[in-house]
């Protein structure tokens, strides 16, 4: 019995080391990266909206009027940053910056491109929010797993109250019992490939 407990403790310590040295650092860095991208995306959405509104007003008066050099630069900057923030959106990637050679493009062309940019940024924002939600959930589970193992090694009960007292909460995947009074499922831990479970930490 003591040997079995010793093996279990050894296995749990190995898992805890993996959680602490691999999953938590990588997921923390990913959450920080996605938070930064979300902030930049929100700012760009505001900028693109402002550009669109101003150029749309001008376009209604003189649609064939060429863009000013300043407006052209602002539109091109917005397109460049939008493509960087939405690398997986095929339609966003198809947007081309205007080449400032000869006559500047007409205002109506810029308005059309800015509208497409706005729509692309909306899609990119939704995709980014989904990734951020998943990354936060996986990071929360990694931290909950670390605390759960520490409690188990101390011989303490690993319950909802014990986890919450330590500032973490296990997702439903790791729970036995009702949500209001669950215990951590160590049997499930024995059958879980953590590299697959914490897929965003790759």
C-alpha atoms as a PDB file:
ATOM      1  CA  UNK A   1       0.000   0.000   0.000  1.00  0.00           C
ATOM      2  CA  UNK A   2       2.812   2.389   0.937  1.00  0.00           C
ATOM      3  CA  UNK A   3       4.638   1.500  -2.281  1.00  0.00           C
ATOM      4  CA  UNK A   4       1.477   2.213  -4.292  1.00  0.00           C
ATOM      5  CA  UNK A   5       1.068   5.568  -2.555  1.00  0.00           C
ATOM      6  CA  UNK A   6       4.713   6.322  -3.246  1.00  0.00           C
ATOM      7  CA  UNK A   7       4.246   5.600  -6.941  1.00  0.00           C
ATOM      8  CA  UNK A   8       1.157   7.783  -7.069  1.00  0.00           C
ATOM      9  CA  UNK A   9       2.995  10.656  -5.368  1.00  0.00           C
ATOM     10  CA  UNK A  10       5.908  10.302  -7.776  1.00  0.00           C
ATOM     11  CA  UNK A  11       3.571  10.352 -10.776  1.00  0.00           C
ATOM     12  CA  UNK A  12       1.713  13.386  -9.423  1.00  0.00           C
ATOM     13  CA  UNK A  13       4.950  15.289  -8.857  1.00  0.00           C
ATOM     14  CA  UNK A  14       6.005  14.567 -12.444  1.00  0.00           C
ATOM     15  CA  UNK A  15       2.673  15.913 -13.710  1.00  0.00           C
ATOM     16  CA  UNK A  16       2.942  18.961 -11.481  1.00  0.00           C
ATOM     17  CA  UNK A  17       6.440  19.687 -12.823  1.00  0.00           C
ATOM     18  CA  UNK A  18       5.141  19.458 -16.390  1.00  0.00           C
ATOM     19  CA  UNK A  19       2.237  21.776 -15.569  1.00  0.00           C
ATOM     20  CA  UNK A  20       4.538  24.320 -13.900  1.00  0.00           C
ATOM     21  CA  UNK A  21       7.378  24.255 -16.423  1.00  0.00           C
ATOM     22  CA  UNK A  22       5.457  23.790 -19.688  1.00  0.00           C
ATOM     23  CA  UNK A  23       1.726  24.410 -19.630  1.00  0.00           C
ATOM     24  CA  UNK A  24       1.393  27.377 -17.262  1.00  0.00           C
ATOM     25  CA  UNK A  25       4.242  29.449 -18.801  1.00  0.00           C
ATOM     26  CA  UNK A  26       3.147  28.809 -22.390  1.00  0.00           C
ATOM     27  CA  UNK A  27      -0.529  29.443 -21.698  1.00  0.00           C
ATOM     28  CA  UNK A  28       0.255  32.580 -19.667  1.00  0.00           C
ATOM     29  CA  UNK A  29       2.342  33.931 -22.544  1.00  0.00           C
ATOM     30  CA  UNK A  30      -0.420  33.092 -25.016  1.00  0.00           C
ATOM     31  CA  UNK A  31      -3.083  34.841 -22.928  1.00  0.00           C
ATOM     32  CA  UNK A  32      -0.862  37.936 -22.693  1.00  0.00           C
ATOM     33  CA  UNK A  33      -0.251  37.847 -26.446  1.00  0.00           C
ATOM     34  CA  UNK A  34      -3.946  37.480 -27.266  1.00  0.00           C
ATOM     35  CA  UNK A  35      -4.903  40.227 -24.798  1.00  0.00           C
ATOM     36  CA  UNK A  36      -2.443  42.549 -26.525  1.00  0.00           C
ATOM     37  CA  UNK A  37      -3.799  41.623 -29.958  1.00  0.00           C
ATOM     38  CA  UNK A  38      -7.370  42.194 -28.746  1.00  0.00           C
ATOM     39  CA  UNK A  39      -6.463  45.704 -27.531  1.00  0.00           C
ATOM     40  CA  UNK A  40      -4.778  46.565 -30.825  1.00  0.00           C
ATOM     41  CA  UNK A  41      -7.727  45.167 -32.751  1.00  0.00           C
ATOM     42  CA  UNK A  42     -10.231  47.241 -30.778  1.00  0.00           C
ATOM     43  CA  UNK A  43      -8.208  50.397 -31.425  1.00  0.00           C
ATOM     44  CA  UNK A  44      -7.953  49.585 -35.130  1.00  0.00           C
ATOM     45  CA  UNK A  45     -11.708  48.955 -35.357  1.00  0.00           C
ATOM     46  CA  UNK A  46     -12.266  52.433 -33.938  1.00  0.00           C
ATOM     47  CA  UNK A  47      -9.761  53.970 -36.359  1.00  0.00           C
ATOM     48  CA  UNK A  48     -11.250  52.156 -39.366  1.00  0.00           C
ATOM     49  CA  UNK A  49     -14.746  53.234 -38.339  1.00  0.00           C
ATOM     50  CA  UNK A  50     -13.626  56.871 -38.105  1.00  0.00           C
ATOM     51  CA  UNK A  51     -11.864  56.747 -41.476  1.00  0.00           C
ATOM     52  CA  UNK A  52     -14.875  55.144 -43.106  1.00  0.00           C
ATOM     53  CA  UNK A  53     -17.291  57.740 -41.719  1.00  0.00           C
ATOM     54  CA  UNK A  54     -15.170  60.693 -42.829  1.00  0.00           C
ATOM     55  CA  UNK A  55     -14.437  59.361 -46.297  1.00  0.00           C
ATOM     56  CA  UNK A  56     -18.042  58.247 -46.783  1.00  0.00           C
ATOM     57  CA  UNK A  57     -19.199  61.827 -46.163  1.00  0.00           C
ATOM     58  CA  UNK A  58     -16.689  63.154 -48.693  1.00  0.00           C
ATOM     59  CA  UNK A  59     -17.563  60.409 -51.163  1.00  0.00           C
ATOM     60  CA  UNK A  60     -21.243  61.370 -51.178  1.00  0.00           C
ATOM     61  CA  UNK A  61     -20.275  64.851 -52.331  1.00  0.00           C
ATOM     62  CA  UNK A  62     -17.536  63.909 -54.791  1.00  0.00           C
ATOM     63  CA  UNK A  63     -17.064  60.157 -55.250  1.00  0.00           C
ATOM     64  CA  UNK A  64     -14.487  60.464 -58.035  1.00  0.00           C
ATOM     65  CA  UNK A  65     -12.358  62.961 -56.102  1.00  0.00           C
ATOM     66  CA  UNK A  66      -8.905  61.520 -55.363  1.00  0.00           C
ATOM     67  CA  UNK A  67      -7.796  60.837 -51.809  1.00  0.00           C
ATOM     68  CA  UNK A  68      -5.416  63.290 -50.190  1.00  0.00           C
ATOM     69  CA  UNK A  69      -1.939  61.941 -49.509  1.00  0.00           C
ATOM     70  CA  UNK A  70      -2.631  61.990 -45.768  1.00  0.00           C
ATOM     71  CA  UNK A  71      -5.890  60.038 -46.140  1.00  0.00           C
ATOM     72  CA  UNK A  72      -4.162  57.558 -48.457  1.00  0.00           C
ATOM     73  CA  UNK A  73      -1.450  56.914 -45.879  1.00  0.00           C
ATOM     74  CA  UNK A  74      -4.027  56.407 -43.113  1.00  0.00           C
ATOM     75  CA  UNK A  75      -6.039  53.961 -45.204  1.00  0.00           C
ATOM     76  CA  UNK A  76      -2.934  51.991 -46.176  1.00  0.00           C
ATOM     77  CA  UNK A  77      -1.755  51.832 -42.553  1.00  0.00           C
ATOM     78  CA  UNK A  78      -5.165  50.517 -41.463  1.00  0.00           C
ATOM     79  CA  UNK A  79      -5.117  47.836 -44.176  1.00  0.00           C
ATOM     80  CA  UNK A  80      -1.600  46.730 -43.235  1.00  0.00           C
ATOM     81  CA  UNK A  81      -2.385  46.457 -39.534  1.00  0.00           C
ATOM     82  CA  UNK A  82      -5.723  44.752 -40.211  1.00  0.00           C
ATOM     83  CA  UNK A  83      -4.067  42.033 -42.254  1.00  0.00           C
ATOM     84  CA  UNK A  84      -1.492  41.496 -39.497  1.00  0.00           C
ATOM     85  CA  UNK A  85      -4.228  41.089 -36.870  1.00  0.00           C
ATOM     86  CA  UNK A  86      -6.368  38.757 -38.985  1.00  0.00           C
ATOM     87  CA  UNK A  87      -3.878  36.327 -40.522  1.00  0.00           C
ATOM     88  CA  UNK A  88      -6.416  33.498 -40.815  1.00  0.00           C
ATOM     89  CA  UNK A  89      -9.127  35.514 -42.582  1.00  0.00           C
ATOM     90  CA  UNK A  90      -8.760  34.804 -46.306  1.00  0.00           C
ATOM     91  CA  UNK A  91     -10.872  37.777 -47.394  1.00  0.00           C
ATOM     92  CA  UNK A  92      -9.020  40.172 -45.127  1.00  0.00           C
ATOM     93  CA  UNK A  93      -5.728  38.937 -46.562  1.00  0.00           C
ATOM     94  CA  UNK A  94      -6.971  39.710 -50.095  1.00  0.00           C
ATOM     95  CA  UNK A  95      -7.214  43.427 -49.350  1.00  0.00           C
ATOM     96  CA  UNK A  96      -4.477  45.369 -51.109  1.00  0.00           C
ATOM     97  CA  UNK A  97      -2.888  48.614 -50.062  1.00  0.00           C
ATOM     98  CA  UNK A  98      -3.207  51.446 -52.554  1.00  0.00           C
ATOM     99  CA  UNK A  99       0.014  52.130 -54.444  1.00  0.00           C
ATOM    100  CA  UNK A 100       0.821  55.848 -54.140  1.00  0.00           C
ATOM    101  CA  UNK A 101       2.044  56.237 -57.729  1.00  0.00           C
ATOM    102  CA  UNK A 102       0.662  58.906 -60.041  1.00  0.00           C
ATOM    103  CA  UNK A 103      -2.908  59.926 -59.221  1.00  0.00           C
ATOM    104  CA  UNK A 104      -4.272  58.889 -55.855  1.00  0.00           C
ATOM    105  CA  UNK A 105      -7.230  56.455 -55.869  1.00  0.00           C
ATOM    106  CA  UNK A 106     -10.739  57.794 -55.886  1.00  0.00           C
ATOM    107  CA  UNK A 107     -12.590  58.263 -52.612  1.00  0.00           C
ATOM    108  CA  UNK A 108     -15.281  55.741 -53.550  1.00  0.00           C
ATOM    109  CA  UNK A 109     -12.644  53.015 -53.928  1.00  0.00           C
ATOM    110  CA  UNK A 110     -11.218  53.818 -50.516  1.00  0.00           C
ATOM    111  CA  UNK A 111     -14.705  53.731 -48.968  1.00  0.00           C
ATOM    112  CA  UNK A 112     -15.363  50.293 -50.455  1.00  0.00           C
ATOM    113  CA  UNK A 113     -12.041  48.928 -49.186  1.00  0.00           C
ATOM    114  CA  UNK A 114     -12.574  50.417 -45.735  1.00  0.00           C
ATOM    115  CA  UNK A 115     -15.994  48.785 -45.538  1.00  0.00           C
ATOM    116  CA  UNK A 116     -14.441  45.411 -46.392  1.00  0.00           C
ATOM    117  CA  UNK A 117     -11.746  46.086 -43.804  1.00  0.00           C
ATOM    118  CA  UNK A 118     -14.376  46.808 -41.141  1.00  0.00           C
ATOM    119  CA  UNK A 119     -16.168  43.549 -41.889  1.00  0.00           C
ATOM    120  CA  UNK A 120     -12.881  41.636 -41.780  1.00  0.00           C
ATOM    121  CA  UNK A 121     -11.985  43.189 -38.432  1.00  0.00           C
ATOM    122  CA  UNK A 122     -15.365  42.130 -37.024  1.00  0.00           C
ATOM    123  CA  UNK A 123     -14.681  38.537 -38.058  1.00  0.00           C
ATOM    124  CA  UNK A 124     -11.116  38.684 -36.723  1.00  0.00           C
ATOM    125  CA  UNK A 125     -12.404  40.071 -33.425  1.00  0.00           C
ATOM    126  CA  UNK A 126     -14.824  37.152 -33.022  1.00  0.00           C
ATOM    127  CA  UNK A 127     -12.110  34.601 -33.810  1.00  0.00           C
ATOM    128  CA  UNK A 128      -9.687  36.278 -31.414  1.00  0.00           C
ATOM    129  CA  UNK A 129     -12.261  36.358 -28.620  1.00  0.00           C
ATOM    130  CA  UNK A 130     -12.919  32.627 -29.045  1.00  0.00           C
ATOM    131  CA  UNK A 131      -9.194  31.842 -28.887  1.00  0.00           C
ATOM    132  CA  UNK A 132      -8.750  34.077 -25.857  1.00  0.00           C
ATOM    133  CA  UNK A 133     -11.651  32.403 -24.040  1.00  0.00           C
ATOM    134  CA  UNK A 134     -10.174  28.959 -24.721  1.00  0.00           C
ATOM    135  CA  UNK A 135      -6.672  30.049 -23.680  1.00  0.00           C
ATOM    136  CA  UNK A 136      -7.982  31.509 -20.405  1.00  0.00           C
ATOM    137  CA  UNK A 137      -9.918  28.313 -19.714  1.00  0.00           C
ATOM    138  CA  UNK A 138      -6.887  26.109 -20.350  1.00  0.00           C
ATOM    139  CA  UNK A 139      -4.697  28.345 -18.191  1.00  0.00           C
ATOM    140  CA  UNK A 140      -7.306  28.194 -15.408  1.00  0.00           C
ATOM    141  CA  UNK A 141      -7.367  24.407 -15.623  1.00  0.00           C
ATOM    142  CA  UNK A 142      -3.568  24.225 -15.554  1.00  0.00           C
ATOM    143  CA  UNK A 143      -3.466  26.304 -12.387  1.00  0.00           C
ATOM    144  CA  UNK A 144      -6.304  24.269 -10.867  1.00  0.00           C
ATOM    145  CA  UNK A 145      -4.416  21.063 -11.661  1.00  0.00           C
ATOM    146  CA  UNK A 146      -1.294  22.392  -9.958  1.00  0.00           C
ATOM    147  CA  UNK A 147      -3.253  23.262  -6.782  1.00  0.00           C
ATOM    148  CA  UNK A 148      -5.183  19.988  -6.852  1.00  0.00           C
ATOM    149  CA  UNK A 149      -1.965  17.977  -6.963  1.00  0.00           C
ATOM    150  CA  UNK A 150      -0.426  20.008  -4.131  1.00  0.00           C
ATOM    151  CA  UNK A 151      -3.502  19.373  -1.978  1.00  0.00           C
ATOM    152  CA  UNK A 152      -3.472  15.660  -2.806  1.00  0.00           C
ATOM    153  CA  UNK A 153       0.216  15.360  -1.917  1.00  0.00           C
ATOM    154  CA  UNK A 154      -0.489  17.098   1.405  1.00  0.00           C
ATOM    155  CA  UNK A 155      -3.230  14.555   2.095  1.00  0.00           C
ATOM    156  CA  UNK A 156      -5.961  17.187   1.940  1.00  0.00           C
ATOM    157  CA  UNK A 157      -9.386  16.733   0.353  1.00  0.00           C
ATOM    158  CA  UNK A 158      -9.456  18.236  -3.132  1.00  0.00           C
ATOM    159  CA  UNK A 159     -12.907  19.808  -3.207  1.00  0.00           C
ATOM    160  CA  UNK A 160     -14.548  22.843  -4.742  1.00  0.00           C
ATOM    161  CA  UNK A 161     -14.103  24.800  -1.515  1.00  0.00           C
ATOM    162  CA  UNK A 162     -10.448  23.818  -1.173  1.00  0.00           C
ATOM    163  CA  UNK A 163      -9.676  24.823  -4.769  1.00  0.00           C
ATOM    164  CA  UNK A 164     -11.558  28.110  -4.524  1.00  0.00           C
ATOM    165  CA  UNK A 165      -9.798  28.880  -1.223  1.00  0.00           C
ATOM    166  CA  UNK A 166      -6.553  28.663  -3.223  1.00  0.00           C
ATOM    167  CA  UNK A 167      -7.916  30.970  -5.913  1.00  0.00           C
ATOM    168  CA  UNK A 168      -8.635  28.416  -8.657  1.00  0.00           C
ATOM    169  CA  UNK A 169     -11.615  26.596 -10.139  1.00  0.00           C
ATOM    170  CA  UNK A 170     -11.628  23.345 -12.099  1.00  0.00           C
ATOM    171  CA  UNK A 171     -13.682  23.134 -15.277  1.00  0.00           C
ATOM    172  CA  UNK A 172     -16.444  20.533 -15.488  1.00  0.00           C
ATOM    173  CA  UNK A 173     -14.111  18.064 -17.184  1.00  0.00           C
ATOM    174  CA  UNK A 174     -12.258  17.574 -13.878  1.00  0.00           C
ATOM    175  CA  UNK A 175     -15.271  17.426 -11.556  1.00  0.00           C
ATOM    176  CA  UNK A 176     -16.955  14.565  -9.722  1.00  0.00           C
ATOM    177  CA  UNK A 177     -20.343  15.353  -8.205  1.00  0.00           C
ATOM    178  CA  UNK A 178     -22.555  18.400  -8.417  1.00  0.00           C
ATOM    179  CA  UNK A 179     -21.130  21.738  -9.527  1.00  0.00           C
ATOM    180  CA  UNK A 180     -21.937  23.302  -6.161  1.00  0.00           C
ATOM    181  CA  UNK A 181     -19.964  20.673  -4.242  1.00  0.00           C
ATOM    182  CA  UNK A 182     -17.593  18.815  -6.569  1.00  0.00           C
ATOM    183  CA  UNK A 183     -14.361  16.910  -5.938  1.00  0.00           C
ATOM    184  CA  UNK A 184     -11.389  16.822  -8.312  1.00  0.00           C
ATOM    185  CA  UNK A 185     -11.384  13.729 -10.528  1.00  0.00           C
ATOM    186  CA  UNK A 186      -7.920  12.176 -10.188  1.00  0.00           C
ATOM    187  CA  UNK A 187      -9.086   9.019 -11.947  1.00  0.00           C
ATOM    188  CA  UNK A 188      -9.748  11.106 -15.033  1.00  0.00           C
ATOM    189  CA  UNK A 189      -6.293  12.609 -14.709  1.00  0.00           C
ATOM    190  CA  UNK A 190      -4.850   9.098 -15.034  1.00  0.00           C
ATOM    191  CA  UNK A 191      -6.533   8.703 -18.430  1.00  0.00           C
ATOM    192  CA  UNK A 192      -5.977  12.187 -19.864  1.00  0.00           C
ATOM    193  CA  UNK A 193      -3.245  13.093 -22.327  1.00  0.00           C
ATOM    194  CA  UNK A 194      -2.367  16.518 -20.962  1.00  0.00           C
ATOM    195  CA  UNK A 195      -0.543  17.548 -24.133  1.00  0.00           C
ATOM    196  CA  UNK A 196      -3.827  17.114 -26.009  1.00  0.00           C
ATOM    197  CA  UNK A 197      -5.914  18.655 -23.235  1.00  0.00           C
ATOM    198  CA  UNK A 198      -3.705  21.760 -23.078  1.00  0.00           C
ATOM    199  CA  UNK A 199      -3.575  21.927 -26.863  1.00  0.00           C
ATOM    200  CA  UNK A 200      -2.871  25.669 -27.022  1.00  0.00           C
ATOM    201  CA  UNK A 201       0.389  25.192 -25.083  1.00  0.00           C
ATOM    202  CA  UNK A 202       2.066  23.493 -28.037  1.00  0.00           C
END
